[in-house]
Amino acid sequence: GGGKKAKKKTEKDFVQTRQTFKLHIDNTLSFNNAICKAYNYAINYKLISEDCRQDDFLAIFSGEATDAKIKWISTNGALKYFMGRLKKNKLIDIPKGFGIWQVTKSHFVDDKGKSITVDLANVHAPQNAELKANINDIVATL
C-alpha cells in the first residue's frame, strides 16, 4: 500500500474565525445569569484578566459571530481543560465546519494579549487539583 502520509496541520494553517460557541441554556435570563456567574468566577479564580469585559465573555458563548477577545491569564492546559469540560458536558455547540480549538484560539488570547500559538489539542490538562476544581466550579454554574 505505500499511500501518501496525511499532511499534518501546522500552526501556519491556523485561520482566525469570528464564529463562536453556542452555550446551551434555554432562556435569555438564565443565560445572562449563568454567564455573569461564570465570568465572575473566572476573574476571581484568575483564569481571565480583570480588564476583560463581561459583554465579550458573553459574546463568545452567544453563537453569534464576533471579534471579541478574552485575555486568558492562566495556563494553556487550564484553557484546554475548561473548554474540554464544556464540550464533554455538552454545554456548548461548536459551529459547523470548525474545530473546538480553532474557535477557542480565535477568541482567547494570552496574558499579553497575543494570539495563543500552541496546539491546544496536544497540551496536557493541568495537574493542579485546585485549578481543576476551580474550573469545575465554573462549569457547574452553567
N, C-alpha and C. Protein backbone atom coordinates (compact mmCIF):
# COMPACT_ATOMS: atom_id res chain seq x y z
N GLY A 1 0.68 -1.22 0.00
CA GLY A 1 0.00 0.00 0.00
C GLY A 1 0.72 1.30 0.00
N GLY A 2 1.96 1.59 0.12
CA GLY A 2 2.63 2.86 0.36
C GLY A 2 1.88 4.14 0.02
N GLY A 3 0.73 4.39 0.66
CA GLY A 3 -0.02 5.63 0.41
C GLY A 3 0.70 6.83 0.98
N LYS A 4 0.36 7.99 0.46
CA LYS A 4 0.98 9.22 0.97
C LYS A 4 0.60 9.44 2.42
N LYS A 5 1.57 9.96 3.18
CA LYS A 5 1.27 10.32 4.57
C LYS A 5 0.37 11.55 4.57
N ALA A 6 -0.61 11.53 5.44
CA ALA A 6 -1.50 12.70 5.54
C ALA A 6 -0.68 13.90 5.99
N LYS A 7 -0.94 15.03 5.35
CA LYS A 7 -0.21 16.25 5.72
C LYS A 7 -0.71 16.71 7.09
N LYS A 8 0.24 16.87 8.00
CA LYS A 8 -0.14 17.29 9.34
C LYS A 8 -0.41 18.79 9.32
N LYS A 9 -1.49 19.19 9.95
CA LYS A 9 -1.78 20.62 10.02
C LYS A 9 -0.77 21.29 10.94
N THR A 10 -0.27 22.42 10.55
CA THR A 10 0.66 23.15 11.39
C THR A 10 0.00 24.45 11.82
N GLU A 11 0.70 25.17 12.69
CA GLU A 11 0.17 26.44 13.17
C GLU A 11 -0.06 27.42 12.02
N LYS A 12 0.77 27.33 10.99
CA LYS A 12 0.63 28.25 9.86
C LYS A 12 -0.74 28.09 9.19
N ASP A 13 -1.32 26.90 9.34
CA ASP A 13 -2.63 26.65 8.74
C ASP A 13 -3.77 27.21 9.58
N PHE A 14 -3.44 27.71 10.77
CA PHE A 14 -4.49 28.21 11.66
C PHE A 14 -5.12 29.47 11.08
N VAL A 15 -6.44 29.46 11.02
CA VAL A 15 -7.18 30.60 10.48
C VAL A 15 -8.14 31.12 11.55
N GLN A 16 -8.06 32.41 11.83
CA GLN A 16 -8.98 33.03 12.78
C GLN A 16 -10.41 32.94 12.24
N THR A 17 -11.35 32.81 13.15
CA THR A 17 -12.75 32.82 12.75
C THR A 17 -13.53 33.74 13.68
N ARG A 18 -14.60 34.32 13.17
CA ARG A 18 -15.48 35.14 14.01
C ARG A 18 -16.59 34.28 14.61
N GLN A 19 -16.65 33.00 14.19
CA GLN A 19 -17.68 32.09 14.71
C GLN A 19 -17.48 31.90 16.21
N THR A 20 -18.56 31.61 16.93
CA THR A 20 -18.49 31.42 18.38
C THR A 20 -19.20 30.14 18.81
N PHE A 21 -19.03 29.83 20.08
CA PHE A 21 -19.71 28.68 20.68
C PHE A 21 -21.13 29.09 21.07
N LYS A 22 -22.05 28.15 20.98
CA LYS A 22 -23.42 28.41 21.44
C LYS A 22 -23.62 27.66 22.74
N LEU A 23 -23.77 28.42 23.83
CA LEU A 23 -23.99 27.82 25.13
C LEU A 23 -25.43 27.33 25.22
N HIS A 24 -25.61 26.10 25.73
CA HIS A 24 -26.95 25.50 25.83
C HIS A 24 -27.66 25.93 27.09
N ILE A 25 -28.29 27.09 27.05
CA ILE A 25 -29.13 27.49 28.18
C ILE A 25 -30.39 28.05 27.56
N ASP A 26 -31.51 27.53 28.02
CA ASP A 26 -32.77 27.76 27.32
C ASP A 26 -33.22 29.21 27.22
N ASN A 27 -33.39 29.87 28.36
CA ASN A 27 -33.95 31.21 28.24
C ASN A 27 -32.90 32.30 28.50
N THR A 28 -33.18 33.47 27.98
CA THR A 28 -32.23 34.58 28.00
C THR A 28 -31.83 34.98 29.41
N LEU A 29 -32.78 35.01 30.31
CA LEU A 29 -32.50 35.41 31.69
C LEU A 29 -31.52 34.43 32.33
N SER A 30 -31.80 33.14 32.21
CA SER A 30 -30.90 32.11 32.76
C SER A 30 -29.53 32.19 32.11
N PHE A 31 -29.52 32.42 30.79
CA PHE A 31 -28.26 32.52 30.05
C PHE A 31 -27.42 33.66 30.61
N ASN A 32 -28.02 34.84 30.74
CA ASN A 32 -27.29 36.01 31.23
C ASN A 32 -26.81 35.82 32.67
N ASN A 33 -27.66 35.22 33.51
CA ASN A 33 -27.26 34.94 34.90
C ASN A 33 -26.09 33.97 34.96
N ALA A 34 -26.18 32.91 34.18
CA ALA A 34 -25.14 31.89 34.18
C ALA A 34 -23.81 32.46 33.67
N ILE A 35 -23.87 33.21 32.57
CA ILE A 35 -22.66 33.80 32.01
C ILE A 35 -22.05 34.79 33.00
N CYS A 36 -22.89 35.57 33.65
CA CYS A 36 -22.43 36.55 34.63
C CYS A 36 -21.69 35.85 35.77
N LYS A 37 -22.27 34.76 36.28
CA LYS A 37 -21.63 33.98 37.36
C LYS A 37 -20.31 33.39 36.88
N ALA A 38 -20.35 32.75 35.71
CA ALA A 38 -19.15 32.11 35.16
C ALA A 38 -18.04 33.13 34.96
N TYR A 39 -18.40 34.30 34.46
CA TYR A 39 -17.45 35.40 34.23
C TYR A 39 -16.81 35.84 35.56
N ASN A 40 -17.64 36.05 36.59
CA ASN A 40 -17.11 36.49 37.89
C ASN A 40 -16.21 35.43 38.52
N TYR A 41 -16.62 34.17 38.42
CA TYR A 41 -15.76 33.07 38.91
C TYR A 41 -14.43 33.07 38.16
N ALA A 42 -14.50 33.19 36.85
CA ALA A 42 -13.28 33.12 36.03
C ALA A 42 -12.30 34.23 36.40
N ILE A 43 -12.83 35.41 36.76
CA ILE A 43 -11.96 36.51 37.20
C ILE A 43 -11.43 36.22 38.61
N ASN A 44 -12.32 35.82 39.52
CA ASN A 44 -11.89 35.54 40.90
C ASN A 44 -10.85 34.43 40.97
N TYR A 45 -11.00 33.43 40.11
CA TYR A 45 -10.06 32.30 40.09
C TYR A 45 -8.83 32.61 39.24
N LYS A 46 -8.72 33.86 38.78
CA LYS A 46 -7.56 34.31 37.98
C LYS A 46 -7.34 33.46 36.73
N LEU A 47 -8.45 33.17 36.04
CA LEU A 47 -8.36 32.48 34.76
C LEU A 47 -8.38 33.50 33.62
N ILE A 48 -9.22 34.53 33.79
CA ILE A 48 -9.27 35.59 32.79
C ILE A 48 -8.89 36.92 33.45
N SER A 49 -8.42 37.84 32.63
CA SER A 49 -7.95 39.13 33.11
C SER A 49 -9.10 39.97 33.65
N GLU A 50 -8.82 40.77 34.68
CA GLU A 50 -9.84 41.66 35.25
C GLU A 50 -10.30 42.72 34.27
N ASP A 51 -9.47 43.01 33.26
CA ASP A 51 -9.90 44.03 32.29
C ASP A 51 -10.74 43.44 31.15
N CYS A 52 -11.04 42.18 31.26
CA CYS A 52 -11.93 41.51 30.30
C CYS A 52 -13.36 42.00 30.53
N ARG A 53 -14.04 42.38 29.45
CA ARG A 53 -15.42 42.86 29.57
C ARG A 53 -16.40 41.69 29.60
N GLN A 54 -17.39 41.80 30.47
CA GLN A 54 -18.41 40.75 30.57
C GLN A 54 -19.13 40.56 29.23
N ASP A 55 -19.35 41.65 28.51
CA ASP A 55 -20.02 41.57 27.20
C ASP A 55 -19.22 40.71 26.22
N ASP A 56 -17.88 40.80 26.30
CA ASP A 56 -17.03 39.99 25.42
C ASP A 56 -17.12 38.52 25.79
N PHE A 57 -17.13 38.26 27.10
CA PHE A 57 -17.23 36.88 27.58
C PHE A 57 -18.56 36.28 27.11
N LEU A 58 -19.62 37.07 27.24
CA LEU A 58 -20.95 36.65 26.79
C LEU A 58 -20.95 36.40 25.28
N ALA A 59 -20.29 37.29 24.55
CA ALA A 59 -20.30 37.22 23.08
C ALA A 59 -19.72 35.91 22.55
N ILE A 60 -18.66 35.41 23.19
CA ILE A 60 -18.02 34.20 22.63
C ILE A 60 -18.81 32.92 22.91
N PHE A 61 -19.84 33.05 23.76
CA PHE A 61 -20.71 31.89 24.01
C PHE A 61 -22.12 32.14 23.48
N SER A 62 -22.28 33.15 22.63
CA SER A 62 -23.60 33.57 22.16
C SER A 62 -24.05 32.82 20.91
N GLY A 63 -23.08 32.22 20.20
CA GLY A 63 -23.41 31.59 18.92
C GLY A 63 -23.45 32.60 17.78
N GLU A 64 -23.22 33.89 18.08
CA GLU A 64 -23.21 34.95 17.05
C GLU A 64 -21.76 35.30 16.72
N ALA A 65 -21.51 35.61 15.45
CA ALA A 65 -20.15 35.98 15.05
C ALA A 65 -19.70 37.24 15.78
N THR A 66 -18.44 37.27 16.22
CA THR A 66 -17.91 38.41 16.97
C THR A 66 -16.39 38.47 16.82
N ASP A 67 -15.86 39.66 17.09
CA ASP A 67 -14.41 39.84 17.14
C ASP A 67 -13.91 39.86 18.58
N ALA A 68 -14.78 39.55 19.53
CA ALA A 68 -14.42 39.63 20.95
C ALA A 68 -13.22 38.75 21.26
N LYS A 69 -12.36 39.28 22.12
CA LYS A 69 -11.18 38.53 22.60
C LYS A 69 -11.20 38.51 24.12
N ILE A 70 -10.86 37.37 24.67
CA ILE A 70 -10.78 37.20 26.12
C ILE A 70 -9.33 36.94 26.48
N LYS A 71 -8.81 37.73 27.42
CA LYS A 71 -7.41 37.54 27.85
C LYS A 71 -7.37 36.44 28.92
N TRP A 72 -6.83 35.27 28.52
CA TRP A 72 -6.73 34.11 29.42
C TRP A 72 -5.38 34.21 30.13
N ILE A 73 -5.41 34.37 31.47
CA ILE A 73 -4.16 34.61 32.20
C ILE A 73 -3.67 33.37 32.94
N SER A 74 -4.42 32.27 32.84
CA SER A 74 -3.97 31.01 33.43
C SER A 74 -3.18 30.24 32.36
N THR A 75 -2.96 28.96 32.57
CA THR A 75 -2.15 28.16 31.65
C THR A 75 -2.96 27.72 30.42
N ASN A 76 -2.25 27.35 29.37
CA ASN A 76 -2.90 26.78 28.18
C ASN A 76 -3.60 25.47 28.54
N GLY A 77 -2.99 24.72 29.45
CA GLY A 77 -3.60 23.47 29.90
C GLY A 77 -4.95 23.71 30.57
N ALA A 78 -5.01 24.80 31.35
CA ALA A 78 -6.27 25.15 32.03
C ALA A 78 -7.34 25.56 31.01
N LEU A 79 -6.92 26.28 29.97
CA LEU A 79 -7.86 26.68 28.91
C LEU A 79 -8.40 25.44 28.20
N LYS A 80 -7.49 24.51 27.90
CA LYS A 80 -7.91 23.26 27.26
C LYS A 80 -8.90 22.50 28.16
N TYR A 81 -8.59 22.45 29.44
CA TYR A 81 -9.44 21.73 30.39
C TYR A 81 -10.82 22.38 30.48
N PHE A 82 -10.85 23.72 30.57
CA PHE A 82 -12.10 24.47 30.65
C PHE A 82 -12.99 24.21 29.43
N MET A 83 -12.42 24.39 28.24
CA MET A 83 -13.21 24.20 27.02
C MET A 83 -13.59 22.72 26.86
N GLY A 84 -12.68 21.84 27.22
CA GLY A 84 -12.93 20.40 27.15
C GLY A 84 -14.09 19.98 28.03
N ARG A 85 -14.16 20.58 29.25
CA ARG A 85 -15.27 20.26 30.17
C ARG A 85 -16.60 20.75 29.59
N LEU A 86 -16.59 21.95 29.00
CA LEU A 86 -17.82 22.48 28.40
C LEU A 86 -18.31 21.56 27.29
N LYS A 87 -17.35 21.07 26.49
CA LYS A 87 -17.71 20.18 25.38
C LYS A 87 -18.20 18.83 25.91
N LYS A 88 -17.44 18.25 26.86
CA LYS A 88 -17.76 16.93 27.39
C LYS A 88 -19.14 16.93 28.05
N ASN A 89 -19.45 18.03 28.73
CA ASN A 89 -20.75 18.13 29.42
C ASN A 89 -21.86 18.61 28.48
N LYS A 90 -21.53 18.67 27.19
CA LYS A 90 -22.50 19.08 26.16
C LYS A 90 -23.14 20.44 26.45
N LEU A 91 -22.33 21.36 26.98
CA LEU A 91 -22.84 22.70 27.30
C LEU A 91 -22.68 23.66 26.13
N ILE A 92 -21.84 23.29 25.17
CA ILE A 92 -21.63 24.19 24.03
C ILE A 92 -21.79 23.44 22.71
N ASP A 93 -22.27 24.18 21.71
CA ASP A 93 -22.25 23.71 20.34
C ASP A 93 -21.05 24.35 19.66
N ILE A 94 -20.33 23.56 18.90
CA ILE A 94 -19.21 24.08 18.13
C ILE A 94 -19.74 24.36 16.73
N PRO A 95 -19.45 25.54 16.18
CA PRO A 95 -20.03 25.86 14.87
C PRO A 95 -19.63 24.85 13.80
N LYS A 96 -20.57 24.50 12.95
CA LYS A 96 -20.34 23.52 11.88
C LYS A 96 -19.13 23.90 11.03
N GLY A 97 -18.30 22.92 10.75
CA GLY A 97 -17.15 23.16 9.89
C GLY A 97 -15.93 23.73 10.61
N PHE A 98 -16.04 23.88 11.93
CA PHE A 98 -14.92 24.42 12.71
C PHE A 98 -14.57 23.47 13.84
N GLY A 99 -13.32 23.49 14.24
CA GLY A 99 -12.89 22.67 15.37
C GLY A 99 -12.95 23.49 16.65
N ILE A 100 -13.06 22.81 17.77
CA ILE A 100 -13.13 23.49 19.07
C ILE A 100 -11.91 24.38 19.30
N TRP A 101 -10.72 23.89 18.90
CA TRP A 101 -9.50 24.66 19.21
C TRP A 101 -9.35 25.86 18.28
N GLN A 102 -9.85 25.73 17.07
CA GLN A 102 -9.81 26.87 16.15
C GLN A 102 -10.66 28.02 16.70
N VAL A 103 -11.85 27.70 17.15
CA VAL A 103 -12.75 28.73 17.70
C VAL A 103 -12.17 29.28 19.01
N THR A 104 -11.65 28.38 19.85
CA THR A 104 -11.05 28.80 21.13
C THR A 104 -9.92 29.80 20.89
N LYS A 105 -9.00 29.43 19.99
CA LYS A 105 -7.83 30.29 19.75
C LYS A 105 -8.18 31.57 19.00
N SER A 106 -9.35 31.60 18.37
CA SER A 106 -9.80 32.81 17.69
C SER A 106 -10.30 33.85 18.70
N HIS A 107 -10.70 33.40 19.88
CA HIS A 107 -11.32 34.32 20.84
C HIS A 107 -10.59 34.45 22.17
N PHE A 108 -9.68 33.53 22.46
CA PHE A 108 -8.88 33.66 23.68
C PHE A 108 -7.46 34.05 23.29
N VAL A 109 -6.92 35.03 24.00
CA VAL A 109 -5.53 35.45 23.79
C VAL A 109 -4.76 35.24 25.09
N ASP A 110 -3.43 35.28 25.00
CA ASP A 110 -2.63 35.03 26.21
C ASP A 110 -2.59 36.27 27.12
N ASP A 111 -1.87 36.15 28.23
CA ASP A 111 -1.86 37.23 29.24
C ASP A 111 -1.25 38.53 28.72
N LYS A 112 -0.57 38.46 27.59
CA LYS A 112 -0.01 39.68 26.99
C LYS A 112 -0.90 40.20 25.85
N GLY A 113 -2.04 39.52 25.65
CA GLY A 113 -2.96 39.95 24.59
C GLY A 113 -2.57 39.44 23.22
N LYS A 114 -1.61 38.50 23.18
CA LYS A 114 -1.16 37.93 21.91
C LYS A 114 -1.90 36.63 21.61
N SER A 115 -1.97 36.29 20.34
CA SER A 115 -2.61 35.03 19.95
C SER A 115 -1.93 33.84 20.62
N ILE A 116 -2.72 32.85 20.97
CA ILE A 116 -2.18 31.60 21.54
C ILE A 116 -1.68 30.78 20.36
N THR A 117 -0.40 30.43 20.40
CA THR A 117 0.20 29.77 19.24
C THR A 117 0.35 28.27 19.42
N VAL A 118 0.26 27.78 20.66
CA VAL A 118 0.44 26.33 20.85
C VAL A 118 -0.75 25.56 20.31
N ASP A 119 -0.51 24.31 19.98
CA ASP A 119 -1.58 23.43 19.52
C ASP A 119 -2.30 22.90 20.77
N LEU A 120 -3.46 23.47 21.06
CA LEU A 120 -4.18 23.11 22.29
C LEU A 120 -4.56 21.63 22.33
N ALA A 121 -4.73 21.03 21.18
CA ALA A 121 -5.09 19.60 21.14
C ALA A 121 -4.02 18.75 21.82
N ASN A 122 -2.78 19.21 21.79
CA ASN A 122 -1.67 18.42 22.34
C ASN A 122 -1.16 18.92 23.68
N VAL A 123 -1.85 19.87 24.28
CA VAL A 123 -1.45 20.40 25.59
C VAL A 123 -1.98 19.47 26.67
N HIS A 124 -1.19 19.27 27.73
CA HIS A 124 -1.64 18.42 28.84
C HIS A 124 -2.59 19.20 29.74
N ALA A 125 -3.60 18.50 30.25
CA ALA A 125 -4.51 19.12 31.22
C ALA A 125 -3.72 19.46 32.48
N PRO A 126 -4.17 20.44 33.25
CA PRO A 126 -3.42 20.83 34.45
C PRO A 126 -3.36 19.70 35.48
N GLN A 127 -2.21 19.61 36.17
CA GLN A 127 -2.05 18.62 37.24
C GLN A 127 -2.58 19.19 38.55
N ASN A 128 -2.61 20.52 38.63
CA ASN A 128 -3.00 21.21 39.85
C ASN A 128 -4.48 20.93 40.19
N ALA A 129 -4.71 20.24 41.31
CA ALA A 129 -6.07 19.83 41.69
C ALA A 129 -6.97 21.03 41.98
N GLU A 130 -6.41 22.07 42.59
CA GLU A 130 -7.20 23.26 42.93
C GLU A 130 -7.67 23.97 41.65
N LEU A 131 -6.75 24.07 40.70
CA LEU A 131 -7.09 24.70 39.41
C LEU A 131 -8.22 23.94 38.72
N LYS A 132 -8.11 22.62 38.70
CA LYS A 132 -9.16 21.80 38.08
C LYS A 132 -10.49 21.96 38.83
N ALA A 133 -10.42 22.00 40.15
CA ALA A 133 -11.64 22.16 40.96
C ALA A 133 -12.28 23.52 40.67
N ASN A 134 -11.47 24.56 40.53
CA ASN A 134 -11.99 25.90 40.22
C ASN A 134 -12.70 25.91 38.85
N ILE A 135 -12.08 25.26 37.89
CA ILE A 135 -12.68 25.19 36.55
C ILE A 135 -13.99 24.40 36.60
N ASN A 136 -13.99 23.32 37.36
CA ASN A 136 -15.22 22.52 37.50
C ASN A 136 -16.34 23.33 38.19
N ASP A 137 -15.96 24.20 39.11
CA ASP A 137 -16.93 25.11 39.77
C ASP A 137 -17.60 25.98 38.71
N ILE A 138 -16.80 26.54 37.82
CA ILE A 138 -17.34 27.43 36.78
C ILE A 138 -18.28 26.65 35.86
N VAL A 139 -17.83 25.48 35.44
CA VAL A 139 -18.65 24.66 34.53
C VAL A 139 -19.97 24.29 35.21
N ALA A 140 -19.92 24.06 36.53
CA ALA A 140 -21.13 23.70 37.28
C ALA A 140 -22.15 24.85 37.33
N THR A 141 -21.70 26.09 37.14
CA THR A 141 -22.66 27.21 37.17
C THR A 141 -23.44 27.30 35.86
N LEU A 142 -22.96 26.61 34.83
CA LEU A 142 -23.57 26.75 33.52
C LEU A 142 -24.64 25.68 33.25
